[in-house]
Amino acid sequence: MIFVYIAIRLRGHAGVKGDIEETMMLLGLKAPNTCVVIPENAVNKGMLAKVKDYVAWGEADEKTISGLKITDKDSKVAIRFNPPSKGFRSLKMHYPKGDLGYRGKAINEFLQTFGKFDQIR
């Protein structure tokens, strides 16, 4: 079993503090609707907690990882999605009322609402 987090940037660049923007760049989240798969460790969990107001994140399962068609699990691969087909619930409120923040295993279902994707590095 692979223990990884999936993080999806949901909000844009406007009004973001410099240290939070830098943390998102370190995570590989450079644009809205970009998804990264990162290893589950204390450092990455702290970085995700810092940017919780701009991203949705949670633990990935094997089915989701295989569906993203990621071949190189050691390097960070950014995947750019189209926006969800029925839109977001809220980009200002946290899960379960909105879409932001920690979602746990529910991130796998949330990822299914996004349309097709392009793999970028």
PDB file of N, CA and C in Angstrom:
ATOM      1  N   MET A   1       0.843  -1.193   0.000  1.00  0.00           N
ATOM      2  CA  MET A   1       0.000   0.000   0.000  1.00  0.00           C
ATOM      3  C   MET A   1       0.880   1.245   0.000  1.00  0.00           C
ATOM      4  N   ILE A   2       0.575   2.162  -0.884  1.00  0.00           N
ATOM      5  CA  ILE A   2       1.326   3.403  -0.999  1.00  0.00           C
ATOM      6  C   ILE A   2       0.607   4.467  -0.177  1.00  0.00           C
ATOM      7  N   PHE A   3       1.366   5.179   0.650  1.00  0.00           N
ATOM      8  CA  PHE A   3       0.782   6.232   1.464  1.00  0.00           C
ATOM      9  C   PHE A   3       1.172   7.580   0.874  1.00  0.00           C
ATOM     10  N   VAL A   4       0.200   8.215   0.206  1.00  0.00           N
ATOM     11  CA  VAL A   4       0.440   9.501  -0.436  1.00  0.00           C
ATOM     12  C   VAL A   4      -0.752  10.417  -0.209  1.00  0.00           C
ATOM     13  N   TYR A   5      -0.483  11.702  -0.336  1.00  0.00           N
ATOM     14  CA  TYR A   5      -1.523  12.721  -0.300  1.00  0.00           C
ATOM     15  C   TYR A   5      -1.788  13.193  -1.721  1.00  0.00           C
ATOM     16  N   ILE A   6      -3.025  13.571  -1.973  1.00  0.00           N
ATOM     17  CA  ILE A   6      -3.387  14.285  -3.195  1.00  0.00           C
ATOM     18  C   ILE A   6      -3.780  15.689  -2.770  1.00  0.00           C
ATOM     19  N   ALA A   7      -3.208  16.688  -3.441  1.00  0.00           N
ATOM     20  CA  ALA A   7      -3.543  18.086  -3.168  1.00  0.00           C
ATOM     21  C   ALA A   7      -3.975  18.749  -4.470  1.00  0.00           C
ATOM     22  N   ILE A   8      -5.076  19.496  -4.414  1.00  0.00           N
ATOM     23  CA  ILE A   8      -5.602  20.195  -5.583  1.00  0.00           C
ATOM     24  C   ILE A   8      -5.729  21.675  -5.230  1.00  0.00           C
ATOM     25  N   ARG A   9      -5.061  22.517  -6.007  1.00  0.00           N
ATOM     26  CA  ARG A   9      -5.192  23.954  -5.788  1.00  0.00           C
ATOM     27  C   ARG A   9      -6.514  24.412  -6.389  1.00  0.00           C
ATOM     28  N   LEU A  10      -7.323  25.081  -5.561  1.00  0.00           N
ATOM     29  CA  LEU A  10      -8.648  25.506  -6.012  1.00  0.00           C
ATOM     30  C   LEU A  10      -8.751  27.010  -6.225  1.00  0.00           C
ATOM     31  N   ARG A  11      -7.935  27.785  -5.539  1.00  0.00           N
ATOM     32  CA  ARG A  11      -8.027  29.238  -5.638  1.00  0.00           C
ATOM     33  C   ARG A  11      -6.826  29.799  -6.385  1.00  0.00           C
ATOM     34  N   GLY A  12      -6.981  30.984  -6.935  1.00  0.00           N
ATOM     35  CA  GLY A  12      -5.952  31.608  -7.765  1.00  0.00           C
ATOM     36  C   GLY A  12      -4.886  32.347  -6.970  1.00  0.00           C
ATOM     37  N   HIS A  13      -4.199  33.263  -7.647  1.00  0.00           N
ATOM     38  CA  HIS A  13      -3.059  33.970  -7.080  1.00  0.00           C
ATOM     39  C   HIS A  13      -3.432  35.275  -6.378  1.00  0.00           C
ATOM     40  N   ALA A  14      -4.559  35.852  -6.692  1.00  0.00           N
ATOM     41  CA  ALA A  14      -4.916  37.178  -6.186  1.00  0.00           C
ATOM     42  C   ALA A  14      -5.096  37.176  -4.671  1.00  0.00           C
ATOM     43  N   GLY A  15      -4.411  38.072  -3.997  1.00  0.00           N
ATOM     44  CA  GLY A  15      -4.563  38.239  -2.559  1.00  0.00           C
ATOM     45  C   GLY A  15      -3.870  37.195  -1.709  1.00  0.00           C
ATOM     46  N   VAL A  16      -3.008  36.381  -2.279  1.00  0.00           N
ATOM     47  CA  VAL A  16      -2.322  35.336  -1.529  1.00  0.00           C
ATOM     48  C   VAL A  16      -1.036  35.907  -0.948  1.00  0.00           C
ATOM     49  N   LYS A  17      -0.786  35.680   0.340  1.00  0.00           N
ATOM     50  CA  LYS A  17       0.440  36.150   0.972  1.00  0.00           C
ATOM     51  C   LYS A  17       1.644  35.449   0.359  1.00  0.00           C
ATOM     52  N   GLY A  18       2.763  36.120   0.396  1.00  0.00           N
ATOM     53  CA  GLY A  18       3.975  35.612  -0.242  1.00  0.00           C
ATOM     54  C   GLY A  18       4.448  34.280   0.297  1.00  0.00           C
ATOM     55  N   ASP A  19       4.405  34.091   1.627  1.00  0.00           N
ATOM     56  CA  ASP A  19       4.892  32.830   2.188  1.00  0.00           C
ATOM     57  C   ASP A  19       3.975  31.662   1.830  1.00  0.00           C
ATOM     58  N   ILE A  20       2.678  31.926   1.712  1.00  0.00           N
ATOM     59  CA  ILE A  20       1.741  30.866   1.323  1.00  0.00           C
ATOM     60  C   ILE A  20       1.921  30.533  -0.150  1.00  0.00           C
ATOM     61  N   GLU A  21       2.113  31.539  -0.986  1.00  0.00           N
ATOM     62  CA  GLU A  21       2.351  31.309  -2.413  1.00  0.00           C
ATOM     63  C   GLU A  21       3.645  30.515  -2.612  1.00  0.00           C
ATOM     64  N   GLU A  22       4.670  30.831  -1.833  1.00  0.00           N
ATOM     65  CA  GLU A  22       5.934  30.101  -1.922  1.00  0.00           C
ATOM     66  C   GLU A  22       5.756  28.631  -1.520  1.00  0.00           C
ATOM     67  N   THR A  23       4.965  28.391  -0.486  1.00  0.00           N
ATOM     68  CA  THR A  23       4.695  27.020  -0.065  1.00  0.00           C
ATOM     69  C   THR A  23       3.957  26.255  -1.150  1.00  0.00           C
ATOM     70  N   MET A  24       3.003  26.902  -1.812  1.00  0.00           N
ATOM     71  CA  MET A  24       2.287  26.231  -2.898  1.00  0.00           C
ATOM     72  C   MET A  24       3.215  25.939  -4.071  1.00  0.00           C
ATOM     73  N   MET A  25       4.170  26.834  -4.341  1.00  0.00           N
ATOM     74  CA  MET A  25       5.140  26.583  -5.404  1.00  0.00           C
ATOM     75  C   MET A  25       6.029  25.391  -5.047  1.00  0.00           C
ATOM     76  N   LEU A  26       6.432  25.294  -3.769  1.00  0.00           N
ATOM     77  CA  LEU A  26       7.244  24.162  -3.333  1.00  0.00           C
ATOM     78  C   LEU A  26       6.482  22.844  -3.454  1.00  0.00           C
ATOM     79  N   LEU A  27       5.172  22.900  -3.261  1.00  0.00           N
ATOM     80  CA  LEU A  27       4.346  21.708  -3.422  1.00  0.00           C
ATOM     81  C   LEU A  27       4.090  21.374  -4.895  1.00  0.00           C
ATOM     82  N   GLY A  28       4.336  22.328  -5.783  1.00  0.00           N
ATOM     83  CA  GLY A  28       4.089  22.108  -7.208  1.00  0.00           C
ATOM     84  C   GLY A  28       2.720  22.564  -7.655  1.00  0.00           C
ATOM     85  N   LEU A  29       2.038  23.332  -6.815  1.00  0.00           N
ATOM     86  CA  LEU A  29       0.687  23.825  -7.135  1.00  0.00           C
ATOM     87  C   LEU A  29       0.798  25.243  -7.677  1.00  0.00           C
ATOM     88  N   LYS A  30       1.076  25.366  -8.970  1.00  0.00           N
ATOM     89  CA  LYS A  30       1.358  26.670  -9.551  1.00  0.00           C
ATOM     90  C   LYS A  30       0.135  27.391 -10.100  1.00  0.00           C
ATOM     91  N   ALA A  31      -0.940  26.652 -10.383  1.00  0.00           N
ATOM     92  CA  ALA A  31      -2.124  27.255 -10.998  1.00  0.00           C
ATOM     93  C   ALA A  31      -3.381  26.603 -10.434  1.00  0.00           C
ATOM     94  N   PRO A  32      -4.512  27.288 -10.520  1.00  0.00           N
ATOM     95  CA  PRO A  32      -5.758  26.677 -10.060  1.00  0.00           C
ATOM     96  C   PRO A  32      -6.079  25.394 -10.840  1.00  0.00           C
ATOM     97  N   ASN A  33      -6.754  24.477 -10.180  1.00  0.00           N
ATOM     98  CA  ASN A  33      -7.151  23.178 -10.728  1.00  0.00           C
ATOM     99  C   ASN A  33      -5.955  22.293 -11.062  1.00  0.00           C
ATOM    100  N   THR A  34      -4.829  22.536 -10.394  1.00  0.00           N
ATOM    101  CA  THR A  34      -3.650  21.697 -10.544  1.00  0.00           C
ATOM    102  C   THR A  34      -3.608  20.722  -9.378  1.00  0.00           C
ATOM    103  N   CYS A  35      -3.287  19.475  -9.687  1.00  0.00           N
ATOM    104  CA  CYS A  35      -3.256  18.410  -8.697  1.00  0.00           C
ATOM    105  C   CYS A  35      -1.850  17.837  -8.625  1.00  0.00           C
ATOM    106  N   VAL A  36      -1.363  17.549  -7.410  1.00  0.00           N
ATOM    107  CA  VAL A  36      -0.086  16.867  -7.228  1.00  0.00           C
ATOM    108  C   VAL A  36      -0.281  15.694  -6.278  1.00  0.00           C
ATOM    109  N   VAL A  37       0.531  14.694  -6.462  1.00  0.00           N
ATOM    110  CA  VAL A  37       0.570  13.539  -5.578  1.00  0.00           C
ATOM    111  C   VAL A  37       1.903  13.611  -4.851  1.00  0.00           C
ATOM    112  N   ILE A  38       1.858  13.710  -3.517  1.00  0.00           N
ATOM    113  CA  ILE A  38       3.078  13.871  -2.733  1.00  0.00           C
ATOM    114  C   ILE A  38       3.137  12.814  -1.642  1.00  0.00           C
ATOM    115  N   PRO A  39       4.346  12.440  -1.211  1.00  0.00           N
ATOM    116  CA  PRO A  39       4.473  11.423  -0.159  1.00  0.00           C
ATOM    117  C   PRO A  39       3.866  11.889   1.157  1.00  0.00           C
ATOM    118  N   GLU A  40       3.359  10.952   1.906  1.00  0.00           N
ATOM    119  CA  GLU A  40       2.759  11.251   3.207  1.00  0.00           C
ATOM    120  C   GLU A  40       3.860  11.256   4.261  1.00  0.00           C
ATOM    121  N   ASN A  41       4.217  12.472   4.724  1.00  0.00           N
ATOM    122  CA  ASN A  41       5.173  12.618   5.819  1.00  0.00           C
ATOM    123  C   ASN A  41       4.853  13.896   6.581  1.00  0.00           C
ATOM    124  N   ALA A  42       5.548  14.116   7.685  1.00  0.00           N
ATOM    125  CA  ALA A  42       5.241  15.249   8.563  1.00  0.00           C
ATOM    126  C   ALA A  42       5.506  16.586   7.878  1.00  0.00           C
ATOM    127  N   VAL A  43       6.543  16.675   7.076  1.00  0.00           N
ATOM    128  CA  VAL A  43       6.878  17.929   6.396  1.00  0.00           C
ATOM    129  C   VAL A  43       5.774  18.315   5.421  1.00  0.00           C
ATOM    130  N   ASN A  44       5.376  17.375   4.572  1.00  0.00           N
ATOM    131  CA  ASN A  44       4.318  17.674   3.599  1.00  0.00           C
ATOM    132  C   ASN A  44       2.985  17.959   4.279  1.00  0.00           C
ATOM    133  N   LYS A  45       2.701  17.268   5.379  1.00  0.00           N
ATOM    134  CA  LYS A  45       1.451  17.518   6.107  1.00  0.00           C
ATOM    135  C   LYS A  45       1.436  18.932   6.679  1.00  0.00           C
ATOM    136  N   GLY A  46       2.573  19.396   7.180  1.00  0.00           N
ATOM    137  CA  GLY A  46       2.672  20.767   7.688  1.00  0.00           C
ATOM    138  C   GLY A  46       2.500  21.797   6.587  1.00  0.00           C
ATOM    139  N   MET A  47       3.073  21.519   5.421  1.00  0.00           N
ATOM    140  CA  MET A  47       2.928  22.441   4.291  1.00  0.00           C
ATOM    141  C   MET A  47       1.472  22.502   3.835  1.00  0.00           C
ATOM    142  N   LEU A  48       0.800  21.359   3.802  1.00  0.00           N
ATOM    143  CA  LEU A  48      -0.608  21.333   3.405  1.00  0.00           C
ATOM    144  C   LEU A  48      -1.492  22.040   4.431  1.00  0.00           C
ATOM    145  N   ALA A  49      -1.144  21.919   5.702  1.00  0.00           N
ATOM    146  CA  ALA A  49      -1.909  22.616   6.740  1.00  0.00           C
ATOM    147  C   ALA A  49      -1.760  24.129   6.590  1.00  0.00           C
ATOM    148  N   LYS A  50      -0.595  24.575   6.134  1.00  0.00           N
ATOM    149  CA  LYS A  50      -0.354  26.008   5.948  1.00  0.00           C
ATOM    150  C   LYS A  50      -1.189  26.585   4.802  1.00  0.00           C
ATOM    151  N   VAL A  51      -1.394  25.799   3.746  1.00  0.00           N
ATOM    152  CA  VAL A  51      -2.114  26.291   2.569  1.00  0.00           C
ATOM    153  C   VAL A  51      -3.556  25.791   2.517  1.00  0.00           C
ATOM    154  N   LYS A  52      -4.105  25.368   3.646  1.00  0.00           N
ATOM    155  CA  LYS A  52      -5.433  24.756   3.703  1.00  0.00           C
ATOM    156  C   LYS A  52      -6.552  25.659   3.197  1.00  0.00           C
ATOM    157  N   ASP A  53      -6.334  26.977   3.209  1.00  0.00           N
ATOM    158  CA  ASP A  53      -7.363  27.905   2.750  1.00  0.00           C
ATOM    159  C   ASP A  53      -7.387  28.074   1.227  1.00  0.00           C
ATOM    160  N   TYR A  54      -6.489  27.397   0.531  1.00  0.00           N
ATOM    161  CA  TYR A  54      -6.384  27.533  -0.921  1.00  0.00           C
ATOM    162  C   TYR A  54      -6.441  26.194  -1.657  1.00  0.00           C
ATOM    163  N   VAL A  55      -6.329  25.084  -0.920  1.00  0.00           N
ATOM    164  CA  VAL A  55      -6.285  23.767  -1.548  1.00  0.00           C
ATOM    165  C   VAL A  55      -7.259  22.802  -0.874  1.00  0.00           C
ATOM    166  N   ALA A  56      -7.574  21.735  -1.592  1.00  0.00           N
ATOM    167  CA  ALA A  56      -8.280  20.578  -1.026  1.00  0.00           C
ATOM    168  C   ALA A  56      -7.268  19.437  -1.025  1.00  0.00           C
ATOM    169  N   TRP A  57      -7.209  18.680   0.066  1.00  0.00           N
ATOM    170  CA  TRP A  57      -6.232  17.598   0.135  1.00  0.00           C
ATOM    171  C   TRP A  57      -6.718  16.455   1.006  1.00  0.00           C
ATOM    172  N   GLY A  58      -6.128  15.291   0.783  1.00  0.00           N
ATOM    173  CA  GLY A  58      -6.490  14.115   1.551  1.00  0.00           C
ATOM    174  C   GLY A  58      -5.661  12.920   1.117  1.00  0.00           C
ATOM    175  N   GLU A  59      -5.956  11.763   1.706  1.00  0.00           N
ATOM    176  CA  GLU A  59      -5.207  10.542   1.406  1.00  0.00           C
ATOM    177  C   GLU A  59      -5.750   9.882   0.136  1.00  0.00           C
ATOM    178  N   ALA A  60      -4.829   9.505  -0.739  1.00  0.00           N
ATOM    179  CA  ALA A  60      -5.202   8.855  -1.998  1.00  0.00           C
ATOM    180  C   ALA A  60      -5.331   7.358  -1.797  1.00  0.00           C
ATOM    181  N   ASP A  61      -6.190   6.733  -2.599  1.00  0.00           N
ATOM    182  CA  ASP A  61      -6.266   5.272  -2.609  1.00  0.00           C
ATOM    183  C   ASP A  61      -5.634   4.751  -3.906  1.00  0.00           C
ATOM    184  N   GLU A  62      -5.438   3.449  -3.967  1.00  0.00           N
ATOM    185  CA  GLU A  62      -4.763   2.829  -5.107  1.00  0.00           C
ATOM    186  C   GLU A  62      -5.520   3.053  -6.415  1.00  0.00           C
ATOM    187  N   LYS A  63      -6.842   3.004  -6.365  1.00  0.00           N
ATOM    188  CA  LYS A  63      -7.651   3.176  -7.574  1.00  0.00           C
ATOM    189  C   LYS A  63      -7.470   4.572  -8.171  1.00  0.00           C
ATOM    190  N   THR A  64      -7.427   5.583  -7.317  1.00  0.00           N
ATOM    191  CA  THR A  64      -7.250   6.950  -7.790  1.00  0.00           C
ATOM    192  C   THR A  64      -5.859   7.148  -8.374  1.00  0.00           C
ATOM    193  N   ILE A  65      -4.848   6.615  -7.713  1.00  0.00           N
ATOM    194  CA  ILE A  65      -3.480   6.756  -8.205  1.00  0.00           C
ATOM    195  C   ILE A  65      -3.339   6.088  -9.571  1.00  0.00           C
ATOM    196  N   SER A  66      -3.900   4.913  -9.729  1.00  0.00           N
ATOM    197  CA  SER A  66      -3.805   4.233 -11.024  1.00  0.00           C
ATOM    198  C   SER A  66      -4.627   4.966 -12.090  1.00  0.00           C
ATOM    199  N   GLY A  67      -5.726   5.603 -11.701  1.00  0.00           N
ATOM    200  CA  GLY A  67      -6.547   6.366 -12.643  1.00  0.00           C
ATOM    201  C   GLY A  67      -5.860   7.620 -13.143  1.00  0.00           C
ATOM    202  N   LEU A  68      -4.939   8.176 -12.344  1.00  0.00           N
ATOM    203  CA  LEU A  68      -4.202   9.369 -12.761  1.00  0.00           C
ATOM    204  C   LEU A  68      -3.070   9.022 -13.719  1.00  0.00           C
ATOM    205  N   LYS A  69      -2.787   7.739 -13.873  1.00  0.00           N
ATOM    206  CA  LYS A  69      -1.758   7.257 -14.806  1.00  0.00           C
ATOM    207  C   LYS A  69      -0.390   7.870 -14.512  1.00  0.00           C
ATOM    208  N   ILE A  70      -0.023   7.874 -13.244  1.00  0.00           N
ATOM    209  CA  ILE A  70       1.286   8.363 -12.852  1.00  0.00           C
ATOM    210  C   ILE A  70       2.250   7.191 -12.916  1.00  0.00           C
ATOM    211  N   THR A  71       3.307   7.336 -13.709  1.00  0.00           N
ATOM    212  CA  THR A  71       4.257   6.241 -13.863  1.00  0.00           C
ATOM    213  C   THR A  71       5.453   6.401 -12.944  1.00  0.00           C
ATOM    214  N   ASP A  72       5.946   7.606 -12.763  1.00  0.00           N
ATOM    215  CA  ASP A  72       7.133   7.838 -11.945  1.00  0.00           C
ATOM    216  C   ASP A  72       6.684   8.326 -10.572  1.00  0.00           C
ATOM    217  N   LYS A  73       6.635   7.442  -9.592  1.00  0.00           N
ATOM    218  CA  LYS A  73       6.099   7.789  -8.272  1.00  0.00           C
ATOM    219  C   LYS A  73       7.087   8.564  -7.400  1.00  0.00           C
ATOM    220  N   ASP A  74       8.378   8.624  -7.816  1.00  0.00           N
ATOM    221  CA  ASP A  74       9.367   9.314  -7.000  1.00  0.00           C
ATOM    222  C   ASP A  74       9.372  10.819  -7.234  1.00  0.00           C
ATOM    223  N   SER A  75       9.105  11.266  -8.451  1.00  0.00           N
ATOM    224  CA  SER A  75       9.130  12.700  -8.726  1.00  0.00           C
ATOM    225  C   SER A  75       7.721  13.268  -8.659  1.00  0.00           C
ATOM    226  N   LYS A  76       7.651  14.559  -8.349  1.00  0.00           N
ATOM    227  CA  LYS A  76       6.364  15.226  -8.290  1.00  0.00           C
ATOM    228  C   LYS A  76       5.840  15.464  -9.695  1.00  0.00           C
ATOM    229  N   VAL A  77       4.646  15.041  -9.956  1.00  0.00           N
ATOM    230  CA  VAL A  77       4.012  15.244 -11.251  1.00  0.00           C
ATOM    231  C   VAL A  77       2.772  16.093 -11.019  1.00  0.00           C
ATOM    232  N   ALA A  78       2.683  17.209 -11.734  1.00  0.00           N
ATOM    233  CA  ALA A  78       1.510  18.070 -11.631  1.00  0.00           C
ATOM    234  C   ALA A  78       0.536  17.703 -12.741  1.00  0.00           C
ATOM    235  N   ILE A  79      -0.728  17.615 -12.388  1.00  0.00           N
ATOM    236  CA  ILE A  79      -1.778  17.269 -13.337  1.00  0.00           C
ATOM    237  C   ILE A  79      -2.772  18.418 -13.351  1.00  0.00           C
ATOM    238  N   ARG A  80      -3.029  18.954 -14.530  1.00  0.00           N
ATOM    239  CA  ARG A  80      -3.930  20.089 -14.681  1.00  0.00           C
ATOM    240  C   ARG A  80      -5.306  19.584 -15.083  1.00  0.00           C
ATOM    241  N   PHE A  81      -6.326  19.901 -14.290  1.00  0.00           N
ATOM    242  CA  PHE A  81      -7.699  19.474 -14.536  1.00  0.00           C
ATOM    243  C   PHE A  81      -8.529  20.609 -15.090  1.00  0.00           C
ATOM    244  N   ASN A  82      -9.607  20.252 -15.773  1.00  0.00           N
ATOM    245  CA  ASN A  82     -10.657  21.207 -16.077  1.00  0.00           C
ATOM    246  C   ASN A  82     -11.461  21.404 -14.791  1.00  0.00           C
ATOM    247  N   PRO A  83     -12.174  22.522 -14.653  1.00  0.00           N
ATOM    248  CA  PRO A  83     -12.999  22.704 -13.455  1.00  0.00           C
ATOM    249  C   PRO A  83     -14.071  21.621 -13.350  1.00  0.00           C
ATOM    250  N   PRO A  84     -14.622  21.403 -12.139  1.00  0.00           N
ATOM    251  CA  PRO A  84     -15.663  20.376 -11.981  1.00  0.00           C
ATOM    252  C   PRO A  84     -16.853  20.649 -12.888  1.00  0.00           C
ATOM    253  N   SER A  85     -17.469  19.586 -13.359  1.00  0.00           N
ATOM    254  CA  SER A  85     -18.555  19.719 -14.326  1.00  0.00           C
ATOM    255  C   SER A  85     -19.774  20.435 -13.748  1.00  0.00           C
ATOM    256  N   LYS A  86     -20.041  20.275 -12.465  1.00  0.00           N
ATOM    257  CA  LYS A  86     -21.189  20.951 -11.854  1.00  0.00           C
ATOM    258  C   LYS A  86     -20.753  22.075 -10.931  1.00  0.00           C
ATOM    259  N   GLY A  87     -19.514  22.498 -11.040  1.00  0.00           N
ATOM    260  CA  GLY A  87     -19.010  23.619 -10.263  1.00  0.00           C
ATOM    261  C   GLY A  87     -18.605  23.236  -8.849  1.00  0.00           C
ATOM    262  N   PHE A  88     -18.069  24.205  -8.137  1.00  0.00           N
ATOM    263  CA  PHE A  88     -17.660  24.012  -6.747  1.00  0.00           C
ATOM    264  C   PHE A  88     -18.819  24.334  -5.820  1.00  0.00           C
ATOM    265  N   ARG A  89     -18.804  23.757  -4.626  1.00  0.00           N
ATOM    266  CA  ARG A  89     -19.798  24.119  -3.615  1.00  0.00           C
ATOM    267  C   ARG A  89     -19.496  25.509  -3.091  1.00  0.00           C
ATOM    268  N   SER A  90     -18.269  25.685  -2.574  1.00  0.00           N
ATOM    269  CA  SER A  90     -17.830  26.991  -2.092  1.00  0.00           C
ATOM    270  C   SER A  90     -16.316  26.999  -2.070  1.00  0.00           C
ATOM    271  N   LEU A  91     -15.713  28.091  -2.542  1.00  0.00           N
ATOM    272  CA  LEU A  91     -14.269  28.244  -2.483  1.00  0.00           C
ATOM    273  C   LEU A  91     -13.858  29.121  -1.302  1.00  0.00           C
ATOM    274  N   LYS A  92     -14.782  29.371  -0.390  1.00  0.00           N
ATOM    275  CA  LYS A  92     -14.478  30.166   0.802  1.00  0.00           C
ATOM    276  C   LYS A  92     -14.657  29.372   2.082  1.00  0.00           C
ATOM    277  N   MET A  93     -15.396  28.271   2.018  1.00  0.00           N
ATOM    278  CA  MET A  93     -15.669  27.485   3.222  1.00  0.00           C
ATOM    279  C   MET A  93     -14.956  26.141   3.137  1.00  0.00           C
ATOM    280  N   HIS A  94     -14.673  25.600   4.310  1.00  0.00           N
ATOM    281  CA  HIS A  94     -13.961  24.331   4.389  1.00  0.00           C
ATOM    282  C   HIS A  94     -14.921  23.154   4.346  1.00  0.00           C
ATOM    283  N   TYR A  95     -14.367  22.010   3.961  1.00  0.00           N
ATOM    284  CA  TYR A  95     -15.114  20.760   3.913  1.00  0.00           C
ATOM    285  C   TYR A  95     -15.648  20.446   5.303  1.00  0.00           C
ATOM    286  N   PRO A  96     -16.889  20.060   5.479  1.00  0.00           N
ATOM    287  CA  PRO A  96     -17.879  19.529   4.554  1.00  0.00           C
ATOM    288  C   PRO A  96     -18.830  20.559   3.948  1.00  0.00           C
ATOM    289  N   LYS A  97     -18.818  21.813   4.411  1.00  0.00           N
ATOM    290  CA  LYS A  97     -19.723  22.809   3.834  1.00  0.00           C
ATOM    291  C   LYS A  97     -19.225  23.317   2.493  1.00  0.00           C
ATOM    292  N   GLY A  98     -17.921  23.427   2.358  1.00  0.00           N
ATOM    293  CA  GLY A  98     -17.310  23.903   1.116  1.00  0.00           C
ATOM    294  C   GLY A  98     -16.347  22.879   0.561  1.00  0.00           C
ATOM    295  N   ASP A  99     -15.418  23.350  -0.249  1.00  0.00           N
ATOM    296  CA  ASP A  99     -14.493  22.445  -0.924  1.00  0.00           C
ATOM    297  C   ASP A  99     -13.067  22.526  -0.415  1.00  0.00           C
ATOM    298  N   LEU A 100     -12.729  23.503   0.395  1.00  0.00           N
ATOM    299  CA  LEU A 100     -11.349  23.697   0.811  1.00  0.00           C
ATOM    300  C   LEU A 100     -10.959  22.821   1.989  1.00  0.00           C
ATOM    301  N   GLY A 101      -9.643  22.651   2.174  1.00  0.00           N
ATOM    302  CA  GLY A 101      -9.106  22.007   3.361  1.00  0.00           C
ATOM    303  C   GLY A 101      -8.999  20.499   3.273  1.00  0.00           C
ATOM    304  N   TYR A 102      -8.797  19.891   4.429  1.00  0.00           N
ATOM    305  CA  TYR A 102      -8.580  18.453   4.534  1.00  0.00           C
ATOM    306  C   TYR A 102      -9.884  17.697   4.319  1.00  0.00           C
ATOM    307  N   ARG A 103      -9.843  16.698   3.444  1.00  0.00           N
ATOM    308  CA  ARG A 103     -11.035  15.906   3.121  1.00  0.00           C
ATOM    309  C   ARG A 103     -10.881  14.437   3.467  1.00  0.00           C
ATOM    310  N   GLY A 104      -9.692  14.010   3.847  1.00  0.00           N
ATOM    311  CA  GLY A 104      -9.480  12.599   4.152  1.00  0.00           C
ATOM    312  C   GLY A 104      -9.635  11.747   2.907  1.00  0.00           C
ATOM    313  N   LYS A 105     -10.308  10.612   3.041  1.00  0.00           N
ATOM    314  CA  LYS A 105     -10.528   9.706   1.907  1.00  0.00           C
ATOM    315  C   LYS A 105     -11.543  10.271   0.909  1.00  0.00           C
ATOM    316  N   ALA A 106     -12.302  11.285   1.298  1.00  0.00           N
ATOM    317  CA  ALA A 106     -13.292  11.878   0.395  1.00  0.00           C
ATOM    318  C   ALA A 106     -12.646  12.623  -0.768  1.00  0.00           C
ATOM    319  N   ILE A 107     -11.327  12.851  -0.712  1.00  0.00           N
ATOM    320  CA  ILE A 107     -10.633  13.515  -1.826  1.00  0.00           C
ATOM    321  C   ILE A 107     -10.733  12.676  -3.094  1.00  0.00           C
ATOM    322  N   ASN A 108     -10.802  11.356  -2.950  1.00  0.00           N
ATOM    323  CA  ASN A 108     -10.895  10.467  -4.103  1.00  0.00           C
ATOM    324  C   ASN A 108     -12.206  10.666  -4.856  1.00  0.00           C
ATOM    325  N   GLU A 109     -13.303  10.839  -4.134  1.00  0.00           N
ATOM    326  CA  GLU A 109     -14.600  11.108  -4.763  1.00  0.00           C
ATOM    327  C   GLU A 109     -14.635  12.517  -5.361  1.00  0.00           C
ATOM    328  N   PHE A 110     -14.014  13.471  -4.661  1.00  0.00           N
ATOM    329  CA  PHE A 110     -13.971  14.849  -5.147  1.00  0.00           C
ATOM    330  C   PHE A 110     -13.205  14.932  -6.461  1.00  0.00           C
ATOM    331  N   LEU A 111     -12.147  14.166  -6.578  1.00  0.00           N
ATOM    332  CA  LEU A 111     -11.331  14.165  -7.791  1.00  0.00           C
ATOM    333  C   LEU A 111     -12.120  13.660  -8.995  1.00  0.00           C
ATOM    334  N   GLN A 112     -13.106  12.805  -8.764  1.00  0.00           N
ATOM    335  CA  GLN A 112     -13.922  12.273  -9.859  1.00  0.00           C
ATOM    336  C   GLN A 112     -14.840  13.337 -10.459  1.00  0.00           C
ATOM    337  N   THR A 113     -15.113  14.435  -9.732  1.00  0.00           N
ATOM    338  CA  THR A 113     -15.991  15.480 -10.262  1.00  0.00           C
ATOM    339  C   THR A 113     -15.292  16.348 -11.299  1.00  0.00           C
ATOM    340  N   PHE A 114     -13.952  16.311 -11.321  1.00  0.00           N
ATOM    341  CA  PHE A 114     -13.211  17.088 -12.299  1.00  0.00           C
ATOM    342  C   PHE A 114     -13.273  16.381 -13.645  1.00  0.00           C
ATOM    343  N   GLY A 115     -13.190  17.144 -14.712  1.00  0.00           N
ATOM    344  CA  GLY A 115     -13.253  16.574 -16.050  1.00  0.00           C
ATOM    345  C   GLY A 115     -11.931  15.941 -16.446  1.00  0.00           C
ATOM    346  N   LYS A 116     -11.668  15.958 -17.739  1.00  0.00           N
ATOM    347  CA  LYS A 116     -10.430  15.369 -18.241  1.00  0.00           C
ATOM    348  C   LYS A 116      -9.232  16.170 -17.745  1.00  0.00           C
ATOM    349  N   PHE A 117      -8.061  15.565 -17.880  1.00  0.00           N
ATOM    350  CA  PHE A 117      -6.868  16.220 -17.364  1.00  0.00           C
ATOM    351  C   PHE A 117      -5.699  16.065 -18.308  1.00  0.00           C
ATOM    352  N   ASP A 118      -4.725  16.957 -18.148  1.00  0.00           N
ATOM    353  CA  ASP A 118      -3.471  16.915 -18.901  1.00  0.00           C
ATOM    354  C   ASP A 118      -2.336  16.791 -17.898  1.00  0.00           C
ATOM    355  N   GLN A 119      -1.392  15.916 -18.176  1.00  0.00           N
ATOM    356  CA  GLN A 119      -0.262  15.725 -17.284  1.00  0.00           C
ATOM    357  C   GLN A 119       0.835  16.703 -17.673  1.00  0.00           C
ATOM    358  N   ILE A 120       1.288  17.486 -16.701  1.00  0.00           N
ATOM    359  CA  ILE A 120       2.371  18.443 -16.933  1.00  0.00           C
ATOM    360  C   ILE A 120       3.459  18.181 -15.915  1.00  0.00           C
ATOM    361  N   ARG A 121       4.632  18.654 -16.145  1.00  0.00           N
ATOM    362  CA  ARG A 121       5.737  18.453 -15.192  1.00  0.00           C
ATOM    363  C   ARG A 121       6.053  19.732 -14.488  1.00  0.00           C
TER     364      ARG A 121
END
